[in-house]
Amino acid sequence: MDITYKIDGKVRARIRDGGEVGFYLYLYDLDSGACTHDYLQDTQALAQEQAEEDFSLALSGWQQEA
């Protein structure tokens, strides 16, 4: 299941479970919606920490997608 980080209703980041390989962190341009960055981390927590450190996305802002 994915988790997302939204700003003004637009998806800024998404973390997707990649199974055995780890968790993918995707960052999106708020205007165009285009993916601008993608990273692979071992755990969801590490992906969230990277988003916080590199892009100032607070840990409390993540939401589970339905």
N, C-alpha and C. Protein backbone atom coordinates (compact mmCIF):
# COMPACT_ATOMS: atom_id res chain seq x y z
N MET A 1 0.83 -1.18 0.00
CA MET A 1 0.00 0.00 0.00
C MET A 1 0.88 1.25 0.00
N ASP A 2 0.47 2.25 -0.73
CA ASP A 2 1.23 3.50 -0.84
C ASP A 2 0.87 4.46 0.29
N ILE A 3 1.82 5.34 0.61
CA ILE A 3 1.52 6.47 1.46
C ILE A 3 1.90 7.73 0.68
N THR A 4 1.16 8.80 0.89
CA THR A 4 1.41 10.02 0.14
C THR A 4 1.57 11.21 1.07
N TYR A 5 2.20 12.24 0.53
CA TYR A 5 2.37 13.51 1.21
C TYR A 5 1.79 14.56 0.28
N LYS A 6 0.74 15.26 0.73
CA LYS A 6 0.08 16.23 -0.13
C LYS A 6 0.28 17.64 0.39
N ILE A 7 0.38 18.57 -0.53
CA ILE A 7 0.45 20.00 -0.23
C ILE A 7 -0.65 20.66 -1.04
N ASP A 8 -1.56 21.34 -0.35
CA ASP A 8 -2.71 21.99 -1.01
C ASP A 8 -3.47 21.02 -1.90
N GLY A 9 -3.62 19.79 -1.45
CA GLY A 9 -4.38 18.79 -2.18
C GLY A 9 -3.65 18.11 -3.32
N LYS A 10 -2.42 18.52 -3.58
CA LYS A 10 -1.64 17.92 -4.67
C LYS A 10 -0.57 17.00 -4.09
N VAL A 11 -0.34 15.87 -4.75
CA VAL A 11 0.65 14.91 -4.27
C VAL A 11 2.05 15.48 -4.49
N ARG A 12 2.79 15.65 -3.42
CA ARG A 12 4.18 16.09 -3.48
C ARG A 12 5.13 14.90 -3.45
N ALA A 13 4.73 13.84 -2.71
CA ALA A 13 5.59 12.67 -2.59
C ALA A 13 4.75 11.43 -2.39
N ARG A 14 5.32 10.30 -2.78
CA ARG A 14 4.66 9.01 -2.60
C ARG A 14 5.73 7.99 -2.23
N ILE A 15 5.39 7.10 -1.31
CA ILE A 15 6.26 5.97 -0.98
C ILE A 15 5.50 4.71 -1.34
N ARG A 16 6.14 3.89 -2.17
CA ARG A 16 5.51 2.67 -2.66
C ARG A 16 6.35 1.46 -2.22
N ASP A 17 5.67 0.46 -1.70
CA ASP A 17 6.33 -0.77 -1.28
C ASP A 17 6.77 -1.53 -2.52
N GLY A 18 8.07 -1.75 -2.64
CA GLY A 18 8.63 -2.46 -3.79
C GLY A 18 8.90 -3.93 -3.51
N GLY A 19 8.27 -4.45 -2.46
CA GLY A 19 8.46 -5.86 -2.13
C GLY A 19 9.85 -6.13 -1.57
N GLU A 20 10.48 -7.15 -2.08
CA GLU A 20 11.78 -7.58 -1.56
C GLU A 20 12.90 -6.56 -1.78
N VAL A 21 12.74 -5.67 -2.75
CA VAL A 21 13.82 -4.72 -3.05
C VAL A 21 13.82 -3.52 -2.12
N GLY A 22 12.68 -3.21 -1.49
CA GLY A 22 12.63 -2.08 -0.57
C GLY A 22 11.46 -1.16 -0.84
N PHE A 23 11.63 0.12 -0.52
CA PHE A 23 10.56 1.11 -0.66
C PHE A 23 11.03 2.24 -1.56
N TYR A 24 10.19 2.59 -2.52
CA TYR A 24 10.51 3.66 -3.47
C TYR A 24 9.92 4.97 -2.98
N LEU A 25 10.73 6.00 -2.98
CA LEU A 25 10.30 7.35 -2.66
C LEU A 25 10.27 8.14 -3.96
N TYR A 26 9.10 8.65 -4.32
CA TYR A 26 8.93 9.46 -5.52
C TYR A 26 8.57 10.88 -5.11
N LEU A 27 9.18 11.88 -5.74
CA LEU A 27 8.87 13.28 -5.51
C LEU A 27 8.30 13.86 -6.79
N TYR A 28 7.26 14.69 -6.67
CA TYR A 28 6.55 15.23 -7.81
C TYR A 28 6.57 16.75 -7.82
N ASP A 29 6.60 17.33 -9.00
CA ASP A 29 6.45 18.77 -9.17
C ASP A 29 4.99 19.12 -8.91
N LEU A 30 4.75 20.10 -8.06
CA LEU A 30 3.38 20.45 -7.70
C LEU A 30 2.60 21.06 -8.85
N ASP A 31 3.26 21.73 -9.77
CA ASP A 31 2.56 22.36 -10.88
C ASP A 31 2.23 21.38 -12.00
N SER A 32 3.21 20.61 -12.44
CA SER A 32 3.00 19.71 -13.57
C SER A 32 2.58 18.30 -13.17
N GLY A 33 2.90 17.92 -11.93
CA GLY A 33 2.63 16.55 -11.49
C GLY A 33 3.67 15.55 -11.95
N ALA A 34 4.70 16.02 -12.64
CA ALA A 34 5.75 15.13 -13.15
C ALA A 34 6.65 14.66 -12.01
N CYS A 35 7.07 13.42 -12.10
CA CYS A 35 8.02 12.88 -11.13
C CYS A 35 9.39 13.51 -11.37
N THR A 36 9.96 14.10 -10.32
CA THR A 36 11.25 14.78 -10.45
C THR A 36 12.40 14.03 -9.80
N HIS A 37 12.09 13.16 -8.84
CA HIS A 37 13.12 12.39 -8.14
C HIS A 37 12.55 11.02 -7.78
N ASP A 38 13.42 10.02 -7.77
CA ASP A 38 13.02 8.72 -7.22
C ASP A 38 14.22 8.09 -6.53
N TYR A 39 13.95 7.48 -5.39
CA TYR A 39 14.99 6.87 -4.56
C TYR A 39 14.50 5.53 -4.07
N LEU A 40 15.43 4.65 -3.77
CA LEU A 40 15.11 3.35 -3.19
C LEU A 40 15.73 3.27 -1.81
N GLN A 41 14.93 2.91 -0.82
CA GLN A 41 15.40 2.75 0.56
C GLN A 41 15.00 1.37 1.05
N ASP A 42 15.69 0.88 2.09
CA ASP A 42 15.41 -0.45 2.63
C ASP A 42 14.08 -0.53 3.36
N THR A 43 13.67 0.56 4.02
CA THR A 43 12.44 0.55 4.80
C THR A 43 11.61 1.81 4.51
N GLN A 44 10.34 1.74 4.85
CA GLN A 44 9.47 2.90 4.72
C GLN A 44 9.97 4.03 5.61
N ALA A 45 10.39 3.70 6.81
CA ALA A 45 10.88 4.72 7.74
C ALA A 45 12.09 5.46 7.17
N LEU A 46 13.00 4.74 6.52
CA LEU A 46 14.17 5.40 5.92
C LEU A 46 13.75 6.31 4.76
N ALA A 47 12.76 5.88 3.99
CA ALA A 47 12.26 6.72 2.89
C ALA A 47 11.64 8.00 3.44
N GLN A 48 10.87 7.88 4.52
CA GLN A 48 10.26 9.05 5.14
C GLN A 48 11.33 9.98 5.72
N GLU A 49 12.35 9.42 6.35
CA GLU A 49 13.44 10.23 6.89
C GLU A 49 14.18 10.98 5.79
N GLN A 50 14.41 10.32 4.65
CA GLN A 50 15.07 10.99 3.54
C GLN A 50 14.22 12.16 3.03
N ALA A 51 12.92 11.94 2.91
CA ALA A 51 12.02 13.00 2.46
C ALA A 51 12.05 14.18 3.43
N GLU A 52 12.13 13.88 4.71
CA GLU A 52 12.17 14.95 5.70
C GLU A 52 13.49 15.71 5.63
N GLU A 53 14.60 14.99 5.56
CA GLU A 53 15.92 15.62 5.54
C GLU A 53 16.20 16.37 4.25
N ASP A 54 15.87 15.78 3.12
CA ASP A 54 16.22 16.37 1.82
C ASP A 54 15.18 17.34 1.26
N PHE A 55 13.91 17.17 1.65
CA PHE A 55 12.84 17.96 1.05
C PHE A 55 11.93 18.64 2.08
N SER A 56 12.29 18.56 3.35
CA SER A 56 11.54 19.21 4.45
C SER A 56 10.08 18.76 4.53
N LEU A 57 9.83 17.48 4.26
CA LEU A 57 8.48 16.93 4.37
C LEU A 57 8.35 16.27 5.74
N ALA A 58 7.57 16.88 6.63
CA ALA A 58 7.44 16.44 8.01
C ALA A 58 6.90 15.00 8.09
N LEU A 59 7.41 14.25 9.03
CA LEU A 59 6.95 12.88 9.21
C LEU A 59 5.45 12.80 9.48
N SER A 60 4.90 13.80 10.12
CA SER A 60 3.48 13.80 10.48
C SER A 60 2.55 14.04 9.29
N GLY A 61 3.09 14.42 8.13
CA GLY A 61 2.26 14.76 6.97
C GLY A 61 1.90 13.59 6.07
N TRP A 62 2.42 12.41 6.34
CA TRP A 62 2.16 11.26 5.47
C TRP A 62 0.80 10.66 5.75
N GLN A 63 0.12 10.23 4.67
CA GLN A 63 -1.21 9.62 4.80
C GLN A 63 -1.29 8.35 3.98
N GLN A 64 -1.96 7.35 4.56
CA GLN A 64 -2.17 6.08 3.89
C GLN A 64 -3.17 6.27 2.75
N GLU A 65 -2.89 5.71 1.59
CA GLU A 65 -3.85 5.75 0.48
C GLU A 65 -4.81 4.58 0.59
N ALA A 66 -6.02 4.81 0.13
CA ALA A 66 -7.04 3.75 0.17
C ALA A 66 -6.85 2.78 -0.97
